[in-house]
Amino acid sequence: MSIPGPGGQGLQLTPFRGLRYVAERVGSLAAVTSPPYDVVVRPDGLRRLETADPYNIVRLILPQAGSPADRHRQAAETLRRWQAEGVLAPDPEPALYVYEQRDGRTLQRGLIGALRLSPREEGIVLPHEEVMPHVVEDRADLMRATAAHLEPLLLAYRGKGNGAEGNETSGDGTSKNAAAEKGTGGAAQVIERAIQHEPLLSTTTEDGVHHHLWRVTDPADLVAVAADLRHHQALIADGHHRWATYLRLREERREPGPWDFGLVLLVDTARYPLRVRAIHRLLRRLPPDKALPVARRAFRVREIDGPLPHALERLAEAATAPAGAEPGARNAFLLTGDGRFHLLDRPDPELLARTVPEGRPQAWRTLDATVLHHVLLDQLWNVPDTPEDIGYIHDPVAAVEQAERLGGTAVLMHPVSEDVVHELARQGIAMPHKSTSFGPKPATGLVLRSLTLG
């Protein structure tokens, strides 16, 4: 995605002094990392991370205390203590960071830096999802207390490709065309040159993903990156609530300063395409035996065979079947929580017409998330969109386990097409919150940004 016309400011990614774990002070770098805060949803997952190492980053991004104010105060005190004890230390000079994730099948590389913030109307950073105010408020309170950006957002932009790798690696794990890219070039060539050197840090997390980080400080490389990125715009792939938080906190400050920038990972998807996955819903207070009879009033409901992978295949078949003339031909959901799987599809066209808001593109009106929230949750089930009623879970296995444990209903979703996401974002149309999950997501804890460092 490029900024049209000459002289566009585009993306402005600036170096910063990364705050990083001192390897000698922790059990291992892998033991102190975490998935993003909104992926750590299960209590057992939180406890596992807390016990993996006393300095695990989850103690900063998801502190545990009796009240929100106490949690944020505790995170700030913990961050100050870890810096005083030398557990976290700043790098000596500002830098951009090349970040690589590799798991044998997927290779992703991008640049971590401080991105100048811009509102939606400038068309430089494009959100594609709505946000929940209570989440933004919580993240804002945490950032105010810590004066830090604890985990980077994931932003996607489309460069010129330069021989797009398609996430394909050679036998030694380096890009196949790295050797050919030795000129000054733009961001892609800076990345390729950086990975020829010894990494600043390397670790392998328990999911088998290898993480590597390199520091870029050469003035010529920084100029090359800046000149390249100023022609591009980016899509928020992951981190809408944190981006909204960045913007809110910037508005609170009248003087220019570090709050004008936000910590991001920028990935060129012409070279490293992202995966798009669904985010599932956990209806904590609605059991399947209450949800299914009501759903039958407007959807075809069929019980299908498990196990879960087979049921998800059936969901994919229903959601990707050729679209017919009827509205809702591709809308399908998988309900479970009672030990069985129930496929909901073929919603009533008349009900869709009455309940789905007008005045939006057809691509938005036919999204599964749109139909779920406006038809099922609002109209049929009367489930309010509050944390006490709805959980948003990335892992379908975790969603099913929690539904069965709580006696609730898991609504499993099929991922939306990436083309639809980009098209709606370009039109300035926000999808319902938690409509997509782009990845691979950056590990939290490899590099932090303190807003008090020079």
Protein backbone atom coordinates (compact mmCIF):
# COMPACT_ATOMS: atom_id res chain seq x y z
CA MET A 1 0.00 0.00 0.00
CA SER A 2 1.61 3.24 -1.16
CA ILE A 3 0.83 6.86 -0.43
CA PRO A 4 -0.41 8.44 -3.73
CA GLY A 5 1.15 11.57 -5.08
CA PRO A 6 4.59 13.16 -4.58
CA GLY A 7 5.78 14.38 -1.25
CA GLY A 8 3.58 12.18 0.92
CA GLN A 9 4.92 11.80 4.43
CA GLY A 10 3.89 8.19 4.72
CA LEU A 11 5.36 6.00 7.43
CA GLN A 12 8.00 7.61 9.65
CA LEU A 13 9.83 4.92 11.64
CA THR A 14 12.45 6.32 13.98
CA PRO A 15 15.22 4.69 16.04
CA PHE A 16 14.91 4.41 19.82
CA ARG A 17 16.98 3.05 22.70
CA GLY A 18 15.51 -0.39 23.21
CA LEU A 19 15.00 -1.57 26.78
CA ARG A 20 15.96 -5.26 26.85
CA TYR A 21 16.47 -8.12 29.27
CA VAL A 22 20.03 -8.74 30.39
CA ALA A 23 20.47 -12.40 29.48
CA GLU A 24 22.73 -13.15 32.46
CA ARG A 25 20.08 -11.98 34.93
CA VAL A 26 17.23 -14.26 33.78
CA GLY A 27 16.79 -18.00 33.41
CA SER A 28 16.53 -17.70 29.64
CA LEU A 29 15.20 -15.19 27.15
CA ALA A 30 12.52 -17.68 26.14
CA ALA A 31 11.35 -17.96 29.76
CA VAL A 32 10.72 -14.22 30.09
CA THR A 33 8.73 -13.78 26.86
CA SER A 34 4.97 -13.96 26.43
CA PRO A 35 2.36 -13.81 23.68
CA PRO A 36 0.59 -10.42 23.36
CA TYR A 37 -1.54 -9.50 26.37
CA ASP A 38 -4.85 -10.28 24.65
CA VAL A 39 -3.73 -13.78 23.63
CA VAL A 40 -2.97 -14.78 27.24
CA VAL A 41 -6.58 -15.49 28.17
CA ARG A 42 -6.59 -18.67 30.23
CA PRO A 43 -5.80 -18.43 33.96
CA ASP A 44 -3.58 -21.51 33.68
CA GLY A 45 -1.68 -19.84 30.84
CA LEU A 46 -1.10 -16.76 32.97
CA ARG A 47 0.09 -18.84 35.91
CA ARG A 48 2.40 -20.86 33.67
CA LEU A 49 4.04 -17.69 32.38
CA GLU A 50 4.36 -16.21 35.86
CA THR A 51 6.11 -19.34 37.12
CA ALA A 52 8.33 -19.78 34.04
CA ASP A 53 10.65 -17.08 35.39
CA PRO A 54 10.22 -14.46 38.15
CA TYR A 55 10.98 -11.80 35.54
CA ASN A 56 8.50 -12.92 32.88
CA ILE A 57 7.11 -9.94 30.95
CA VAL A 58 3.54 -10.99 31.80
CA ARG A 59 4.09 -9.36 35.21
CA LEU A 60 4.21 -6.04 33.36
CA ILE A 61 1.57 -6.49 30.65
CA LEU A 62 -0.95 -8.39 32.85
CA PRO A 63 -0.11 -7.56 36.48
CA GLN A 64 -2.26 -9.26 39.11
CA ALA A 65 -3.70 -7.19 41.97
CA GLY A 66 -7.00 -6.43 43.65
CA SER A 67 -8.01 -3.38 41.59
CA PRO A 68 -7.10 -1.82 38.24
CA ALA A 69 -5.27 1.03 39.97
CA ASP A 70 -3.26 -1.43 42.06
CA ARG A 71 -2.42 -3.50 38.99
CA HIS A 72 -1.07 -0.54 37.06
CA ARG A 73 0.84 0.77 40.09
CA GLN A 74 2.34 -2.67 40.59
CA ALA A 75 3.46 -2.86 36.96
CA ALA A 76 5.16 0.53 37.21
CA GLU A 77 6.94 -0.43 40.43
CA THR A 78 8.04 -3.75 38.94
CA LEU A 79 9.41 -2.05 35.83
CA ARG A 80 11.38 0.45 37.93
CA ARG A 81 12.72 -2.31 40.18
CA TRP A 82 13.85 -4.49 37.30
CA GLN A 83 15.75 -1.57 35.78
CA ALA A 84 17.34 -0.70 39.13
CA GLU A 85 18.39 -4.33 39.60
CA GLY A 86 19.87 -4.54 36.10
CA VAL A 87 17.36 -7.11 34.86
CA LEU A 88 16.32 -4.71 32.12
CA ALA A 89 18.86 -2.33 30.60
CA PRO A 90 18.70 0.20 27.76
CA ASP A 91 20.81 -0.16 24.64
CA PRO A 92 23.62 2.38 24.37
CA GLU A 93 22.27 4.26 21.34
CA PRO A 94 19.04 4.60 19.36
CA ALA A 95 18.45 1.90 16.77
CA LEU A 96 15.91 0.18 14.59
CA TYR A 97 15.68 -3.56 15.17
CA VAL A 98 15.39 -6.28 12.55
CA TYR A 99 13.18 -9.01 13.99
CA GLU A 100 12.94 -12.51 12.56
CA GLN A 101 10.56 -15.34 13.46
CA ARG A 102 11.06 -18.79 11.94
CA ASP A 103 9.44 -22.12 12.71
CA GLY A 104 10.57 -24.26 9.78
CA ARG A 105 7.46 -23.58 7.72
CA THR A 106 7.12 -19.84 8.12
CA LEU A 107 9.70 -17.09 7.90
CA GLN A 108 8.81 -13.53 8.86
CA ARG A 109 11.09 -10.52 9.08
CA GLY A 110 10.33 -6.92 9.85
CA LEU A 111 11.55 -3.72 11.46
CA ILE A 112 10.81 -2.68 15.04
CA GLY A 113 10.91 1.03 15.67
CA ALA A 114 9.04 4.05 17.02
CA LEU A 115 6.43 5.09 14.46
CA ARG A 116 5.14 8.65 14.29
CA LEU A 117 1.45 8.57 15.20
CA SER A 118 -1.18 9.73 12.72
CA PRO A 119 -4.98 9.85 12.87
CA ARG A 120 -7.10 7.70 10.57
CA GLU A 121 -8.06 10.63 8.34
CA GLU A 122 -4.44 11.08 7.21
CA GLY A 123 -4.61 7.63 5.59
CA ILE A 124 -1.12 6.59 6.70
CA VAL A 125 -2.01 3.94 9.30
CA LEU A 126 -5.27 2.16 8.51
CA PRO A 127 -7.25 0.46 11.28
CA HIS A 128 -9.71 -2.19 10.15
CA GLU A 129 -11.50 -3.01 13.42
CA GLU A 130 -13.53 -1.14 15.98
CA VAL A 131 -12.20 -1.03 19.54
CA MET A 132 -13.76 -1.58 22.95
CA PRO A 133 -13.51 1.56 25.14
CA HIS A 134 -12.88 -0.32 28.39
CA VAL A 135 -9.84 -2.07 26.89
CA VAL A 136 -8.40 1.20 25.60
CA GLU A 137 -8.92 2.75 29.04
CA ASP A 138 -7.11 -0.13 30.75
CA ARG A 139 -4.15 -0.02 28.34
CA ALA A 140 -3.99 3.78 28.68
CA ASP A 141 -3.82 3.57 32.47
CA LEU A 142 -1.06 0.97 32.20
CA MET A 143 0.98 3.06 29.75
CA ARG A 144 0.58 6.20 31.86
CA ALA A 145 1.75 4.36 34.97
CA THR A 146 4.76 2.68 33.36
CA ALA A 147 5.63 5.44 30.85
CA ALA A 148 6.54 2.61 28.51
CA HIS A 149 5.43 0.70 25.46
CA LEU A 150 5.76 -2.90 26.59
CA GLU A 151 4.93 -4.74 23.34
CA PRO A 152 5.00 -3.76 19.67
CA LEU A 153 1.96 -3.59 17.44
CA LEU A 154 2.04 -5.60 14.21
CA LEU A 155 1.63 -3.41 11.12
CA ALA A 156 1.58 -4.64 7.51
CA TYR A 157 2.65 -2.68 4.44
CA ARG A 158 3.34 -3.70 0.86
CA GLY A 159 6.78 -2.90 -0.43
CA LYS A 160 8.01 -3.38 -3.97
CA GLY A 161 8.65 -7.06 -3.35
CA ASN A 162 12.25 -7.17 -4.62
CA GLY A 163 11.80 -10.82 -5.46
CA ALA A 164 9.10 -11.66 -2.94
CA GLU A 165 10.10 -14.63 -0.85
CA GLY A 166 6.62 -15.78 0.08
CA ASN A 167 7.94 -16.86 3.48
CA GLU A 168 10.20 -19.36 1.72
CA THR A 169 13.63 -20.12 3.15
CA SER A 170 16.75 -21.78 1.86
CA GLY A 171 18.37 -24.71 3.58
CA ASP A 172 20.26 -22.55 6.07
CA GLY A 173 17.17 -20.51 6.98
CA THR A 174 18.25 -17.31 5.20
CA SER A 175 16.30 -15.72 2.40
CA LYS A 176 17.00 -17.16 -1.05
CA ASN A 177 17.74 -13.78 -2.57
CA ALA A 178 19.73 -12.27 0.30
CA ALA A 179 23.07 -12.55 -1.46
CA ALA A 180 21.80 -10.55 -4.42
CA GLU A 181 20.76 -7.58 -2.31
CA LYS A 182 23.93 -5.73 -1.40
CA GLY A 183 23.16 -2.20 -2.59
CA THR A 184 22.09 0.65 -0.38
CA GLY A 185 18.45 0.06 -1.36
CA GLY A 186 15.49 0.48 0.93
CA ALA A 187 14.11 -1.27 3.99
CA ALA A 188 14.20 -4.72 2.39
CA GLN A 189 17.90 -4.48 1.57
CA VAL A 190 18.73 -3.08 5.01
CA ILE A 191 17.05 -6.10 6.56
CA GLU A 192 18.86 -8.51 4.28
CA ARG A 193 22.23 -6.97 5.08
CA ALA A 194 21.56 -7.00 8.82
CA ILE A 195 20.80 -10.72 8.98
CA GLN A 196 24.23 -11.54 7.54
CA HIS A 197 25.71 -10.56 10.92
CA GLU A 198 25.57 -12.22 14.32
CA PRO A 199 22.19 -11.58 15.98
CA LEU A 200 21.91 -9.29 18.97
CA LEU A 201 19.85 -12.03 20.61
CA SER A 202 18.46 -15.44 19.69
CA THR A 203 15.97 -17.64 21.51
CA THR A 204 13.50 -20.42 20.81
CA THR A 205 10.14 -20.27 22.57
CA GLU A 206 8.26 -23.35 23.72
CA ASP A 207 6.08 -23.32 20.61
CA GLY A 208 9.19 -24.08 18.56
CA VAL A 209 9.49 -20.61 17.00
CA HIS A 210 13.04 -19.27 16.62
CA HIS A 211 13.38 -15.55 17.35
CA HIS A 212 16.35 -13.39 16.29
CA LEU A 213 16.99 -9.68 16.74
CA TRP A 214 19.56 -7.44 15.05
CA ARG A 215 20.31 -3.77 15.73
CA VAL A 216 20.51 -1.23 12.88
CA THR A 217 22.41 1.94 13.75
CA ASP A 218 24.34 2.83 10.58
CA PRO A 219 23.23 6.33 9.51
CA ALA A 220 23.10 5.36 5.83
CA ASP A 221 20.84 2.40 6.60
CA LEU A 222 18.55 4.56 8.73
CA VAL A 223 18.28 7.12 5.93
CA ALA A 224 17.54 4.35 3.41
CA VAL A 225 14.74 2.97 5.57
CA ALA A 226 13.23 6.41 6.12
CA ALA A 227 13.35 7.27 2.41
CA ASP A 228 11.67 3.97 1.51
CA LEU A 229 8.90 3.96 4.12
CA ARG A 230 7.76 7.54 3.54
CA HIS A 231 6.09 6.32 0.32
CA HIS A 232 3.96 3.73 2.12
CA GLN A 233 0.91 3.35 4.32
CA ALA A 234 0.26 0.42 6.66
CA LEU A 235 -2.62 -1.70 7.87
CA ILE A 236 -2.92 -2.45 11.59
CA ALA A 237 -2.70 -6.22 11.58
CA ASP A 238 -2.66 -6.67 15.36
CA GLY A 239 -2.95 -4.08 18.12
CA HIS A 240 -5.96 -1.85 17.39
CA HIS A 241 -6.54 -1.17 21.08
CA ARG A 242 -2.92 -0.24 21.69
CA TRP A 243 -2.91 2.04 18.62
CA ALA A 244 -6.07 3.75 19.90
CA THR A 245 -4.30 4.07 23.25
CA TYR A 246 -1.24 5.66 21.64
CA LEU A 247 -3.48 8.25 19.98
CA ARG A 248 -5.37 9.00 23.19
CA LEU A 249 -2.21 9.52 25.22
CA ARG A 250 -0.69 11.72 22.54
CA GLU A 251 -3.77 13.95 22.63
CA GLU A 252 -3.28 14.44 26.38
CA ARG A 253 0.10 16.11 25.82
CA ARG A 254 0.43 19.50 24.19
CA GLU A 255 4.20 19.55 23.71
CA PRO A 256 5.97 17.38 21.11
CA GLY A 257 7.83 14.47 22.62
CA PRO A 258 8.16 10.69 22.91
CA TRP A 259 4.37 10.24 23.19
CA ASP A 260 4.12 11.28 19.52
CA PHE A 261 5.52 7.86 18.59
CA GLY A 262 4.42 4.28 19.22
CA LEU A 263 6.30 0.98 19.31
CA VAL A 264 5.54 -1.14 16.22
CA LEU A 265 6.78 -4.04 14.12
CA LEU A 266 6.48 -3.24 10.40
CA VAL A 267 6.31 -6.24 8.05
CA ASP A 268 6.46 -6.01 4.26
CA THR A 269 3.75 -8.48 3.24
CA ALA A 270 4.92 -8.48 -0.37
CA ARG A 271 7.87 -10.46 0.95
CA TYR A 272 6.44 -12.05 4.09
CA PRO A 273 2.66 -12.62 3.79
CA LEU A 274 0.81 -12.74 7.09
CA ARG A 275 -1.57 -15.47 8.19
CA VAL A 276 -5.18 -14.47 8.85
CA ARG A 277 -7.04 -16.46 11.49
CA ALA A 278 -10.35 -16.08 13.26
CA ILE A 279 -10.96 -14.92 16.83
CA HIS A 280 -13.60 -17.04 18.54
CA ARG A 281 -16.28 -16.02 21.05
CA LEU A 282 -16.89 -17.52 24.47
CA LEU A 283 -20.41 -16.81 25.72
CA ARG A 284 -19.81 -17.29 29.42
CA ARG A 285 -23.43 -17.12 30.61
CA LEU A 286 -25.27 -18.73 27.70
CA PRO A 287 -25.27 -22.57 27.67
CA PRO A 288 -25.75 -24.44 24.38
CA ASP A 289 -29.13 -25.83 25.44
CA LYS A 290 -30.39 -22.22 25.65
CA ALA A 291 -28.55 -20.92 22.57
CA LEU A 292 -29.49 -23.63 20.06
CA PRO A 293 -33.32 -23.55 20.25
CA VAL A 294 -33.30 -19.78 19.71
CA ALA A 295 -30.78 -20.03 16.86
CA ARG A 296 -33.04 -22.50 15.07
CA ARG A 297 -35.60 -19.74 14.58
CA ALA A 298 -33.34 -18.06 12.03
CA PHE A 299 -30.54 -20.50 11.08
CA ARG A 300 -30.25 -24.03 9.83
CA VAL A 301 -28.74 -26.00 12.73
CA ARG A 302 -27.12 -29.39 12.22
CA GLU A 303 -25.16 -31.59 14.61
CA ILE A 304 -21.90 -32.69 13.00
CA ASP A 305 -19.27 -35.21 13.93
CA GLY A 306 -16.05 -34.39 15.80
CA PRO A 307 -13.31 -34.29 16.73
CA LEU A 308 -12.65 -30.55 16.65
CA PRO A 309 -10.35 -30.52 13.56
CA HIS A 310 -13.00 -32.37 11.55
CA ALA A 311 -15.74 -30.03 12.77
CA LEU A 312 -13.64 -27.00 11.78
CA GLU A 313 -13.22 -28.49 8.30
CA ARG A 314 -17.00 -28.71 7.99
CA LEU A 315 -17.24 -25.07 9.09
CA ALA A 316 -14.74 -24.09 6.41
CA GLU A 317 -16.74 -25.93 3.77
CA ALA A 318 -19.92 -24.10 4.76
CA ALA A 319 -18.19 -20.70 4.95
CA THR A 320 -16.33 -20.95 1.65
CA ALA A 321 -19.01 -22.58 -0.48
CA PRO A 322 -19.84 -20.66 -3.69
CA ALA A 323 -22.03 -17.73 -2.78
CA GLY A 324 -25.61 -18.11 -3.92
CA ALA A 325 -28.17 -15.46 -4.69
CA GLU A 326 -29.43 -15.33 -1.11
CA PRO A 327 -27.82 -12.97 1.41
CA GLY A 328 -25.96 -14.90 4.09
CA ALA A 329 -25.00 -17.76 1.77
CA ARG A 330 -21.50 -17.86 3.28
CA ASN A 331 -22.31 -17.07 6.91
CA ALA A 332 -21.60 -20.09 9.12
CA PHE A 333 -20.71 -20.68 12.76
CA LEU A 334 -19.72 -23.69 14.85
CA LEU A 335 -21.30 -23.89 18.32
CA THR A 336 -20.10 -26.19 21.07
CA GLY A 337 -19.72 -26.44 24.83
CA ASP A 338 -21.91 -29.47 25.48
CA GLY A 339 -19.48 -32.07 24.10
CA ARG A 340 -21.06 -31.91 20.65
CA PHE A 341 -20.62 -29.71 17.57
CA HIS A 342 -23.46 -27.79 15.95
CA LEU A 343 -23.13 -26.07 12.56
CA LEU A 344 -25.23 -22.93 12.05
CA ASP A 345 -25.65 -21.65 8.51
CA ARG A 346 -28.17 -20.28 6.00
CA PRO A 347 -29.50 -17.38 8.09
CA ASP A 348 -32.98 -16.06 7.32
CA PRO A 349 -32.57 -13.35 4.61
CA GLU A 350 -35.49 -11.33 5.96
CA LEU A 351 -33.99 -11.26 9.45
CA LEU A 352 -30.64 -10.19 7.99
CA ALA A 353 -32.34 -7.34 6.14
CA ARG A 354 -34.04 -6.14 9.33
CA THR A 355 -31.13 -6.39 11.74
CA VAL A 356 -27.90 -5.70 9.83
CA PRO A 357 -27.39 -1.90 9.56
CA GLU A 358 -27.73 -0.22 6.19
CA GLY A 359 -25.33 2.33 4.82
CA ARG A 360 -22.26 0.07 4.80
CA PRO A 361 -20.60 -1.81 1.92
CA GLN A 362 -21.94 -5.26 1.12
CA ALA A 363 -18.59 -6.75 2.16
CA TRP A 364 -19.14 -5.39 5.68
CA ARG A 365 -22.83 -6.37 5.87
CA THR A 366 -22.01 -10.00 5.02
CA LEU A 367 -19.09 -10.45 7.43
CA ASP A 368 -19.54 -13.34 9.87
CA ALA A 369 -18.68 -10.99 12.74
CA THR A 370 -21.34 -8.51 11.58
CA VAL A 371 -24.00 -11.21 11.37
CA LEU A 372 -22.93 -12.75 14.69
CA HIS A 373 -23.09 -9.51 16.65
CA HIS A 374 -26.13 -7.89 15.06
CA VAL A 375 -28.27 -10.99 14.48
CA LEU A 376 -27.31 -13.67 16.97
CA LEU A 377 -25.92 -11.75 19.93
CA ASP A 378 -28.08 -8.63 19.78
CA GLN A 379 -31.33 -9.85 18.26
CA LEU A 380 -31.71 -13.54 19.12
CA TRP A 381 -29.63 -14.20 22.24
CA ASN A 382 -29.64 -10.72 23.84
CA VAL A 383 -26.06 -11.13 25.01
CA PRO A 384 -24.39 -7.82 25.95
CA ASP A 385 -20.87 -7.21 24.72
CA THR A 386 -19.24 -7.02 28.14
CA PRO A 387 -16.21 -8.91 29.52
CA GLU A 388 -18.52 -10.73 31.94
CA ASP A 389 -20.58 -12.10 29.05
CA ILE A 390 -18.23 -12.48 26.08
CA GLY A 391 -14.62 -13.63 25.92
CA TYR A 392 -12.50 -13.28 22.77
CA ILE A 393 -10.18 -16.26 22.31
CA HIS A 394 -7.68 -16.91 19.53
CA ASP A 395 -7.22 -20.66 20.07
CA PRO A 396 -10.26 -22.83 19.22
CA VAL A 397 -9.11 -25.56 21.61
CA ALA A 398 -8.97 -23.05 24.47
CA ALA A 399 -12.40 -21.69 23.53
CA VAL A 400 -13.94 -25.18 23.65
CA GLU A 401 -12.22 -26.08 26.92
CA GLN A 402 -13.39 -22.91 28.64
CA ALA A 403 -16.95 -23.28 27.36
CA GLU A 404 -17.16 -26.83 28.72
CA ARG A 405 -15.64 -25.82 32.05
CA LEU A 406 -17.93 -22.82 32.52
CA GLY A 407 -21.07 -24.36 31.06
CA GLY A 408 -21.11 -21.67 28.36
CA THR A 409 -21.10 -21.70 24.57
CA ALA A 410 -18.12 -21.40 22.27
CA VAL A 411 -18.89 -19.80 18.91
CA LEU A 412 -16.10 -20.79 16.52
CA MET A 413 -15.53 -18.57 13.51
CA HIS A 414 -14.02 -18.96 10.04
CA PRO A 415 -11.29 -16.42 9.13
CA VAL A 416 -12.18 -13.54 6.86
CA SER A 417 -10.32 -13.02 3.58
CA GLU A 418 -7.30 -10.71 3.82
CA ASP A 419 -8.46 -8.98 0.61
CA VAL A 420 -11.73 -8.03 2.32
CA VAL A 421 -9.81 -6.61 5.30
CA HIS A 422 -7.63 -4.42 3.07
CA GLU A 423 -10.55 -3.25 0.93
CA LEU A 424 -12.66 -2.17 3.90
CA ALA A 425 -9.66 -0.47 5.53
CA ARG A 426 -8.97 1.53 2.37
CA GLN A 427 -12.62 2.67 2.40
CA GLY A 428 -12.30 3.73 6.04
CA ILE A 429 -14.84 1.10 7.13
CA ALA A 430 -14.12 -0.53 10.50
CA MET A 431 -14.97 -4.18 10.96
CA PRO A 432 -16.54 -5.34 14.25
CA HIS A 433 -13.89 -5.62 16.95
CA LYS A 434 -11.94 -8.86 17.17
CA SER A 435 -12.86 -9.86 13.62
CA THR A 436 -9.41 -11.08 12.61
CA SER A 437 -6.16 -12.39 14.03
CA PHE A 438 -3.11 -11.69 11.89
CA GLY A 439 0.15 -13.46 12.56
CA PRO A 440 2.75 -14.54 13.31
CA LYS A 441 2.53 -12.10 16.20
CA PRO A 442 5.76 -10.72 17.69
CA ALA A 443 6.83 -12.17 21.00
CA THR A 444 6.43 -9.75 23.89
CA GLY A 445 9.53 -9.11 25.98
CA LEU A 446 12.33 -9.05 23.40
CA VAL A 447 12.48 -5.24 23.17
CA LEU A 448 10.56 -2.58 25.12
CA ARG A 449 10.39 1.18 24.66
CA SER A 450 10.72 3.41 27.69
CA LEU A 451 9.38 6.90 27.13
CA THR A 452 11.78 8.33 29.71
CA LEU A 453 14.97 7.32 27.90
CA GLY A 454 16.82 9.71 25.66
